[in-house]
Amino acid sequence: MFFTSYQDKTGQIIKHSHTIALKYIKSVRFFCDFCAILGTGFLTQFVHSFKLFGIFKLVRVFRLSDIISKLNIPKDVKAIITIMKLTFYLFLLIHMLACAWYNVCSLHQNEVDEFGVAQKWYPPLDWVNYKESKLFTDETNMF
């Protein structure tokens, strides 16, 4: 992005590299790209918490709308590409929710309290084998 020309408000194409670099550094896009770089590669070997910054790579995916709108193709082809983009966004959302659910469930999976009860906030899988379940009896504390 440091060397990609752009059009200013008057419609002139800016090709001067210093001006392009200053505009890019002042933009939000630079911040997102910089954070995405922190989440990959050499740095994460030493600081494992920087892997979370890899989520900023998703910002690049959301630029698809601009690219599709600037394409010089018929409207019906743009509509098909837009439907494919929205389907991709849906799968991306489902994937992110599944990853979040996995992290929430595995956060305290090995912790137990002083009575030996697992400290999980989601209910046990007693409903799978409900005939032998004690979940809906008086023996189980509903709290």
N, C-alpha and C. Protein backbone atom coordinates (compact mmCIF):
# COMPACT_ATOMS: atom_id res chain seq x y z
N MET A 1 0.82 -1.20 0.00
CA MET A 1 0.00 0.00 0.00
C MET A 1 0.86 1.26 0.00
N PHE A 2 2.14 1.14 0.31
CA PHE A 2 3.00 2.31 0.30
C PHE A 2 3.26 2.82 -1.12
N PHE A 3 3.07 1.98 -2.11
CA PHE A 3 3.40 2.36 -3.48
C PHE A 3 2.20 2.33 -4.41
N THR A 4 0.99 2.15 -3.88
CA THR A 4 -0.20 2.09 -4.69
C THR A 4 -0.78 3.48 -4.86
N SER A 5 -0.91 3.91 -6.10
CA SER A 5 -1.43 5.26 -6.36
C SER A 5 -2.91 5.31 -5.98
N TYR A 6 -3.40 6.51 -5.79
CA TYR A 6 -4.81 6.70 -5.44
C TYR A 6 -5.31 7.98 -6.08
N GLN A 7 -6.64 8.12 -6.07
CA GLN A 7 -7.27 9.30 -6.62
C GLN A 7 -7.68 10.22 -5.48
N ASP A 8 -7.30 11.49 -5.58
CA ASP A 8 -7.68 12.43 -4.51
C ASP A 8 -9.08 12.96 -4.76
N LYS A 9 -9.52 13.91 -3.95
CA LYS A 9 -10.89 14.42 -4.02
C LYS A 9 -11.17 15.16 -5.32
N THR A 10 -10.13 15.72 -5.93
CA THR A 10 -10.34 16.46 -7.18
C THR A 10 -10.32 15.55 -8.39
N GLY A 11 -9.97 14.29 -8.22
CA GLY A 11 -9.96 13.34 -9.32
C GLY A 11 -8.58 13.11 -9.92
N GLN A 12 -7.56 13.77 -9.39
CA GLN A 12 -6.21 13.57 -9.91
C GLN A 12 -5.61 12.30 -9.29
N ILE A 13 -4.83 11.60 -10.10
CA ILE A 13 -4.16 10.39 -9.62
C ILE A 13 -2.84 10.80 -8.98
N ILE A 14 -2.68 10.43 -7.72
CA ILE A 14 -1.47 10.75 -6.97
C ILE A 14 -0.50 9.58 -7.12
N LYS A 15 0.69 9.87 -7.65
CA LYS A 15 1.71 8.83 -7.85
C LYS A 15 2.99 9.10 -7.06
N HIS A 16 3.06 10.23 -6.36
CA HIS A 16 4.24 10.58 -5.59
C HIS A 16 4.32 9.68 -4.37
N SER A 17 5.40 8.92 -4.24
CA SER A 17 5.49 7.89 -3.20
C SER A 17 5.45 8.46 -1.78
N HIS A 18 6.03 9.64 -1.56
CA HIS A 18 6.02 10.24 -0.23
C HIS A 18 4.59 10.59 0.19
N THR A 19 3.83 11.16 -0.72
CA THR A 19 2.43 11.52 -0.42
C THR A 19 1.59 10.26 -0.18
N ILE A 20 1.82 9.24 -0.99
CA ILE A 20 1.09 7.98 -0.82
C ILE A 20 1.39 7.35 0.53
N ALA A 21 2.66 7.33 0.92
CA ALA A 21 3.06 6.74 2.20
C ALA A 21 2.46 7.50 3.37
N LEU A 22 2.46 8.83 3.32
CA LEU A 22 1.88 9.62 4.42
C LEU A 22 0.39 9.37 4.55
N LYS A 23 -0.32 9.29 3.43
CA LYS A 23 -1.76 9.05 3.47
C LYS A 23 -2.05 7.66 4.05
N TYR A 24 -1.24 6.68 3.66
CA TYR A 24 -1.44 5.31 4.16
C TYR A 24 -1.14 5.21 5.64
N ILE A 25 -0.09 5.84 6.11
CA ILE A 25 0.26 5.78 7.53
C ILE A 25 -0.81 6.44 8.39
N LYS A 26 -1.45 7.48 7.89
CA LYS A 26 -2.49 8.18 8.66
C LYS A 26 -3.84 7.46 8.62
N SER A 27 -3.97 6.42 7.81
CA SER A 27 -5.26 5.75 7.66
C SER A 27 -5.44 4.64 8.69
N VAL A 28 -6.68 4.24 8.87
CA VAL A 28 -7.01 3.12 9.76
C VAL A 28 -6.50 1.82 9.16
N ARG A 29 -6.45 1.75 7.85
CA ARG A 29 -5.99 0.56 7.15
C ARG A 29 -4.55 0.20 7.57
N PHE A 30 -3.71 1.20 7.75
CA PHE A 30 -2.33 0.95 8.17
C PHE A 30 -2.31 0.32 9.56
N PHE A 31 -3.13 0.84 10.47
CA PHE A 31 -3.20 0.28 11.82
C PHE A 31 -3.62 -1.19 11.79
N CYS A 32 -4.65 -1.51 10.99
CA CYS A 32 -5.12 -2.89 10.90
C CYS A 32 -4.07 -3.79 10.26
N ASP A 33 -3.39 -3.31 9.22
CA ASP A 33 -2.35 -4.10 8.58
C ASP A 33 -1.16 -4.31 9.51
N PHE A 34 -0.82 -3.29 10.28
CA PHE A 34 0.29 -3.41 11.23
C PHE A 34 -0.03 -4.42 12.32
N CYS A 35 -1.25 -4.37 12.85
CA CYS A 35 -1.65 -5.34 13.88
C CYS A 35 -1.72 -6.75 13.31
N ALA A 36 -2.12 -6.88 12.04
CA ALA A 36 -2.16 -8.20 11.41
C ALA A 36 -0.76 -8.78 11.27
N ILE A 37 0.22 -7.92 11.02
CA ILE A 37 1.60 -8.38 10.91
C ILE A 37 2.11 -8.86 12.27
N LEU A 38 1.69 -8.20 13.35
CA LEU A 38 2.11 -8.62 14.69
C LEU A 38 1.65 -10.04 15.00
N GLY A 39 0.52 -10.44 14.44
CA GLY A 39 -0.06 -11.73 14.76
C GLY A 39 0.49 -12.89 13.97
N THR A 40 1.51 -12.66 13.15
CA THR A 40 2.04 -13.75 12.33
C THR A 40 3.55 -13.79 12.44
N GLY A 41 4.10 -14.93 12.11
CA GLY A 41 5.53 -15.05 11.89
C GLY A 41 6.43 -15.12 13.09
N PHE A 42 7.56 -14.48 12.95
CA PHE A 42 8.69 -14.59 13.87
C PHE A 42 8.36 -14.09 15.28
N LEU A 43 7.60 -13.01 15.37
CA LEU A 43 7.32 -12.38 16.65
C LEU A 43 6.48 -13.26 17.57
N THR A 44 5.56 -14.04 17.00
CA THR A 44 4.68 -14.86 17.83
C THR A 44 5.40 -16.06 18.45
N GLN A 45 6.59 -16.37 17.98
CA GLN A 45 7.36 -17.44 18.61
C GLN A 45 7.78 -17.05 20.02
N PHE A 46 8.00 -15.78 20.23
CA PHE A 46 8.46 -15.29 21.53
C PHE A 46 7.34 -14.73 22.39
N VAL A 47 6.37 -14.07 21.77
CA VAL A 47 5.24 -13.50 22.50
C VAL A 47 3.97 -14.16 21.95
N HIS A 48 3.50 -15.20 22.64
CA HIS A 48 2.38 -16.00 22.13
C HIS A 48 1.07 -15.22 22.12
N SER A 49 0.94 -14.22 22.96
CA SER A 49 -0.32 -13.47 22.98
C SER A 49 -0.51 -12.61 21.74
N PHE A 50 0.55 -12.40 20.95
CA PHE A 50 0.42 -11.63 19.71
C PHE A 50 -0.35 -12.40 18.64
N LYS A 51 -0.57 -13.70 18.83
CA LYS A 51 -1.34 -14.46 17.85
C LYS A 51 -2.76 -13.93 17.73
N LEU A 52 -3.26 -13.32 18.79
CA LEU A 52 -4.61 -12.76 18.74
C LEU A 52 -4.72 -11.62 17.73
N PHE A 53 -3.61 -10.96 17.46
CA PHE A 53 -3.65 -9.86 16.49
C PHE A 53 -3.85 -10.35 15.07
N GLY A 54 -3.74 -11.64 14.84
CA GLY A 54 -3.98 -12.21 13.51
C GLY A 54 -5.40 -12.00 13.03
N ILE A 55 -6.32 -11.70 13.94
CA ILE A 55 -7.71 -11.46 13.56
C ILE A 55 -7.84 -10.22 12.69
N PHE A 56 -6.86 -9.34 12.77
CA PHE A 56 -6.91 -8.12 11.95
C PHE A 56 -6.74 -8.43 10.46
N LYS A 57 -6.33 -9.64 10.13
CA LYS A 57 -6.25 -10.02 8.72
C LYS A 57 -7.63 -10.07 8.08
N LEU A 58 -8.66 -10.20 8.91
CA LEU A 58 -10.02 -10.23 8.38
C LEU A 58 -10.43 -8.90 7.76
N VAL A 59 -9.80 -7.82 8.18
CA VAL A 59 -10.13 -6.51 7.62
C VAL A 59 -9.88 -6.51 6.11
N ARG A 60 -8.87 -7.25 5.69
CA ARG A 60 -8.58 -7.33 4.26
C ARG A 60 -9.72 -8.00 3.51
N VAL A 61 -10.38 -8.96 4.14
CA VAL A 61 -11.49 -9.65 3.50
C VAL A 61 -12.65 -8.70 3.26
N PHE A 62 -12.86 -7.76 4.17
CA PHE A 62 -13.99 -6.86 4.06
C PHE A 62 -13.79 -5.79 2.98
N ARG A 63 -12.64 -5.77 2.35
CA ARG A 63 -12.42 -4.88 1.21
C ARG A 63 -13.01 -5.44 -0.08
N LEU A 64 -13.55 -6.64 -0.02
CA LEU A 64 -14.13 -7.26 -1.20
C LEU A 64 -15.26 -6.43 -1.81
N SER A 65 -16.03 -5.77 -0.98
CA SER A 65 -17.15 -4.97 -1.49
C SER A 65 -16.65 -3.87 -2.42
N ASP A 66 -15.57 -3.21 -2.05
CA ASP A 66 -15.00 -2.17 -2.91
C ASP A 66 -14.50 -2.75 -4.22
N ILE A 67 -13.86 -3.89 -4.14
CA ILE A 67 -13.32 -4.51 -5.35
C ILE A 67 -14.45 -4.94 -6.28
N ILE A 68 -15.50 -5.53 -5.73
CA ILE A 68 -16.62 -5.98 -6.55
C ILE A 68 -17.34 -4.80 -7.18
N SER A 69 -17.50 -3.71 -6.44
CA SER A 69 -18.20 -2.55 -7.00
C SER A 69 -17.42 -1.89 -8.13
N LYS A 70 -16.10 -2.01 -8.11
CA LYS A 70 -15.27 -1.39 -9.15
C LYS A 70 -15.04 -2.30 -10.36
N LEU A 71 -15.51 -3.53 -10.30
CA LEU A 71 -15.33 -4.45 -11.43
C LEU A 71 -16.13 -3.98 -12.64
N ASN A 72 -15.57 -4.15 -13.81
CA ASN A 72 -16.23 -3.76 -15.05
C ASN A 72 -16.82 -5.01 -15.70
N ILE A 73 -17.87 -5.53 -15.08
CA ILE A 73 -18.53 -6.75 -15.57
C ILE A 73 -20.03 -6.51 -15.53
N PRO A 74 -20.81 -7.36 -16.22
CA PRO A 74 -22.28 -7.19 -16.21
C PRO A 74 -22.87 -7.33 -14.80
N LYS A 75 -24.05 -6.75 -14.63
CA LYS A 75 -24.69 -6.71 -13.30
C LYS A 75 -25.04 -8.10 -12.79
N ASP A 76 -25.44 -9.01 -13.67
CA ASP A 76 -25.81 -10.34 -13.20
C ASP A 76 -24.60 -11.10 -12.67
N VAL A 77 -23.44 -10.89 -13.27
CA VAL A 77 -22.22 -11.53 -12.77
C VAL A 77 -21.83 -10.91 -11.43
N LYS A 78 -22.00 -9.58 -11.31
CA LYS A 78 -21.72 -8.93 -10.01
C LYS A 78 -22.64 -9.46 -8.92
N ALA A 79 -23.91 -9.73 -9.29
CA ALA A 79 -24.85 -10.26 -8.31
C ALA A 79 -24.42 -11.64 -7.83
N ILE A 80 -23.95 -12.47 -8.76
CA ILE A 80 -23.49 -13.81 -8.39
C ILE A 80 -22.27 -13.72 -7.48
N ILE A 81 -21.34 -12.83 -7.82
CA ILE A 81 -20.14 -12.65 -7.00
C ILE A 81 -20.52 -12.12 -5.62
N THR A 82 -21.50 -11.22 -5.57
CA THR A 82 -21.95 -10.68 -4.28
C THR A 82 -22.59 -11.77 -3.43
N ILE A 83 -23.37 -12.66 -4.04
CA ILE A 83 -23.97 -13.77 -3.29
C ILE A 83 -22.87 -14.69 -2.76
N MET A 84 -21.87 -14.94 -3.58
CA MET A 84 -20.74 -15.76 -3.12
C MET A 84 -20.01 -15.08 -1.96
N LYS A 85 -19.87 -13.76 -2.04
CA LYS A 85 -19.22 -13.01 -0.96
C LYS A 85 -20.02 -13.12 0.33
N LEU A 86 -21.33 -12.96 0.24
CA LEU A 86 -22.17 -13.04 1.43
C LEU A 86 -22.17 -14.45 2.02
N THR A 87 -22.12 -15.47 1.15
CA THR A 87 -22.01 -16.85 1.63
C THR A 87 -20.68 -17.05 2.37
N PHE A 88 -19.62 -16.49 1.82
CA PHE A 88 -18.33 -16.57 2.48
C PHE A 88 -18.37 -15.88 3.84
N TYR A 89 -19.00 -14.71 3.92
CA TYR A 89 -19.13 -14.01 5.20
C TYR A 89 -19.91 -14.85 6.20
N LEU A 90 -20.95 -15.54 5.73
CA LEU A 90 -21.74 -16.38 6.63
C LEU A 90 -20.89 -17.51 7.20
N PHE A 91 -20.13 -18.20 6.33
CA PHE A 91 -19.25 -19.27 6.81
C PHE A 91 -18.18 -18.72 7.74
N LEU A 92 -17.69 -17.53 7.46
CA LEU A 92 -16.69 -16.91 8.32
C LEU A 92 -17.28 -16.62 9.70
N LEU A 93 -18.50 -16.13 9.74
CA LEU A 93 -19.17 -15.86 11.01
C LEU A 93 -19.40 -17.15 11.79
N ILE A 94 -19.86 -18.18 11.12
CA ILE A 94 -20.09 -19.47 11.79
C ILE A 94 -18.78 -20.03 12.34
N HIS A 95 -17.72 -19.91 11.56
CA HIS A 95 -16.42 -20.39 12.01
C HIS A 95 -15.93 -19.62 13.24
N MET A 96 -16.08 -18.30 13.22
CA MET A 96 -15.63 -17.49 14.36
C MET A 96 -16.44 -17.80 15.61
N LEU A 97 -17.75 -18.00 15.47
CA LEU A 97 -18.58 -18.35 16.62
C LEU A 97 -18.21 -19.73 17.16
N ALA A 98 -17.91 -20.67 16.27
CA ALA A 98 -17.50 -22.00 16.73
C ALA A 98 -16.17 -21.93 17.46
N CYS A 99 -15.23 -21.13 16.96
CA CYS A 99 -13.95 -20.97 17.65
C CYS A 99 -14.14 -20.32 19.02
N ALA A 100 -15.01 -19.33 19.09
CA ALA A 100 -15.27 -18.68 20.38
C ALA A 100 -15.92 -19.66 21.36
N TRP A 101 -16.87 -20.46 20.88
CA TRP A 101 -17.52 -21.44 21.74
C TRP A 101 -16.51 -22.46 22.24
N TYR A 102 -15.63 -22.93 21.37
CA TYR A 102 -14.61 -23.90 21.78
C TYR A 102 -13.70 -23.30 22.86
N ASN A 103 -13.28 -22.05 22.67
CA ASN A 103 -12.40 -21.42 23.65
C ASN A 103 -13.10 -21.22 24.98
N VAL A 104 -14.37 -20.85 24.95
CA VAL A 104 -15.11 -20.65 26.20
C VAL A 104 -15.26 -21.98 26.93
N CYS A 105 -15.59 -23.05 26.22
CA CYS A 105 -15.80 -24.35 26.86
C CYS A 105 -14.51 -24.98 27.35
N SER A 106 -13.41 -24.73 26.67
CA SER A 106 -12.16 -25.35 27.08
C SER A 106 -11.36 -24.50 28.06
N LEU A 107 -11.87 -23.34 28.42
CA LEU A 107 -11.14 -22.44 29.30
C LEU A 107 -10.91 -23.05 30.68
N HIS A 108 -11.95 -23.64 31.26
CA HIS A 108 -11.85 -24.21 32.61
C HIS A 108 -12.14 -25.70 32.60
N GLN A 109 -11.78 -26.40 31.55
CA GLN A 109 -12.19 -27.80 31.44
C GLN A 109 -11.53 -28.70 32.47
N ASN A 110 -10.36 -28.38 32.95
CA ASN A 110 -9.67 -29.26 33.90
C ASN A 110 -9.75 -28.78 35.34
N GLU A 111 -10.46 -27.70 35.59
CA GLU A 111 -10.54 -27.18 36.95
C GLU A 111 -11.69 -27.84 37.70
N VAL A 112 -11.44 -28.17 38.96
CA VAL A 112 -12.47 -28.73 39.82
C VAL A 112 -12.47 -27.95 41.14
N ASP A 113 -13.61 -27.94 41.79
CA ASP A 113 -13.68 -27.26 43.09
C ASP A 113 -13.25 -28.21 44.20
N GLU A 114 -13.42 -27.80 45.46
CA GLU A 114 -12.95 -28.60 46.58
C GLU A 114 -13.73 -29.91 46.76
N PHE A 115 -14.92 -30.03 46.13
CA PHE A 115 -15.72 -31.24 46.23
C PHE A 115 -15.50 -32.17 45.04
N GLY A 116 -14.62 -31.79 44.12
CA GLY A 116 -14.33 -32.63 42.96
C GLY A 116 -15.28 -32.43 41.79
N VAL A 117 -16.08 -31.35 41.87
CA VAL A 117 -17.04 -31.07 40.79
C VAL A 117 -16.36 -30.19 39.75
N ALA A 118 -16.52 -30.55 38.49
CA ALA A 118 -15.90 -29.78 37.41
C ALA A 118 -16.50 -28.39 37.35
N GLN A 119 -15.67 -27.41 37.12
CA GLN A 119 -16.10 -26.01 37.08
C GLN A 119 -16.44 -25.60 35.63
N LYS A 120 -17.43 -26.24 35.09
CA LYS A 120 -17.89 -25.92 33.74
C LYS A 120 -19.22 -25.20 33.86
N TRP A 121 -19.41 -24.19 33.10
CA TRP A 121 -20.66 -23.45 33.21
C TRP A 121 -21.73 -24.02 32.29
N TYR A 122 -21.37 -24.89 31.36
CA TYR A 122 -22.39 -25.50 30.52
C TYR A 122 -22.83 -26.82 31.15
N PRO A 123 -24.07 -27.24 30.92
CA PRO A 123 -24.58 -28.43 31.61
C PRO A 123 -23.91 -29.70 31.13
N PRO A 124 -23.92 -30.73 31.96
CA PRO A 124 -23.34 -32.01 31.54
C PRO A 124 -24.17 -32.63 30.43
N LEU A 125 -23.62 -33.62 29.77
CA LEU A 125 -24.32 -34.26 28.66
C LEU A 125 -25.23 -35.37 29.14
N ASP A 126 -25.96 -35.15 30.22
CA ASP A 126 -26.87 -36.16 30.74
C ASP A 126 -28.08 -36.37 29.84
N TRP A 127 -28.39 -35.39 29.03
CA TRP A 127 -29.55 -35.53 28.16
C TRP A 127 -29.30 -36.54 27.04
N VAL A 128 -28.03 -36.89 26.79
CA VAL A 128 -27.74 -37.87 25.74
C VAL A 128 -28.24 -39.25 26.17
N ASN A 129 -27.97 -39.61 27.40
CA ASN A 129 -28.43 -40.87 27.95
C ASN A 129 -29.44 -40.56 29.04
N TYR A 130 -30.59 -40.06 28.65
CA TYR A 130 -31.54 -39.49 29.61
C TYR A 130 -32.17 -40.52 30.55
N LYS A 131 -32.19 -41.81 30.19
CA LYS A 131 -32.81 -42.82 31.06
C LYS A 131 -32.01 -43.01 32.34
N GLU A 132 -30.68 -42.86 32.25
CA GLU A 132 -29.83 -43.01 33.42
C GLU A 132 -29.45 -41.67 34.03
N SER A 133 -30.04 -40.62 33.54
CA SER A 133 -29.67 -39.28 33.97
C SER A 133 -30.27 -38.95 35.33
N LYS A 134 -29.50 -38.18 36.12
CA LYS A 134 -29.98 -37.68 37.39
C LYS A 134 -30.21 -36.18 37.33
N LEU A 135 -30.24 -35.66 36.12
CA LEU A 135 -30.35 -34.22 35.94
C LEU A 135 -31.70 -33.68 36.38
N PHE A 136 -32.77 -34.43 36.13
CA PHE A 136 -34.11 -33.94 36.44
C PHE A 136 -34.72 -34.64 37.66
N THR A 137 -33.89 -35.04 38.57
CA THR A 137 -34.39 -35.65 39.80
C THR A 137 -34.16 -34.69 40.96
N ASP A 138 -34.66 -35.10 42.14
CA ASP A 138 -34.47 -34.27 43.32
C ASP A 138 -33.05 -34.34 43.85
N GLU A 139 -32.28 -35.33 43.38
CA GLU A 139 -30.91 -35.48 43.85
C GLU A 139 -30.00 -34.39 43.30
N THR A 140 -30.40 -33.78 42.18
CA THR A 140 -29.56 -32.78 41.53
C THR A 140 -29.94 -31.39 42.00
N ASN A 141 -28.96 -30.64 42.42
CA ASN A 141 -29.18 -29.27 42.86
C ASN A 141 -29.45 -28.42 41.62
N MET A 142 -30.60 -27.77 41.55
CA MET A 142 -30.94 -26.98 40.36
C MET A 142 -30.18 -25.66 40.29
N PHE A 143 -29.60 -25.22 41.41
CA PHE A 143 -28.80 -23.99 41.40
C PHE A 143 -27.59 -24.18 40.53
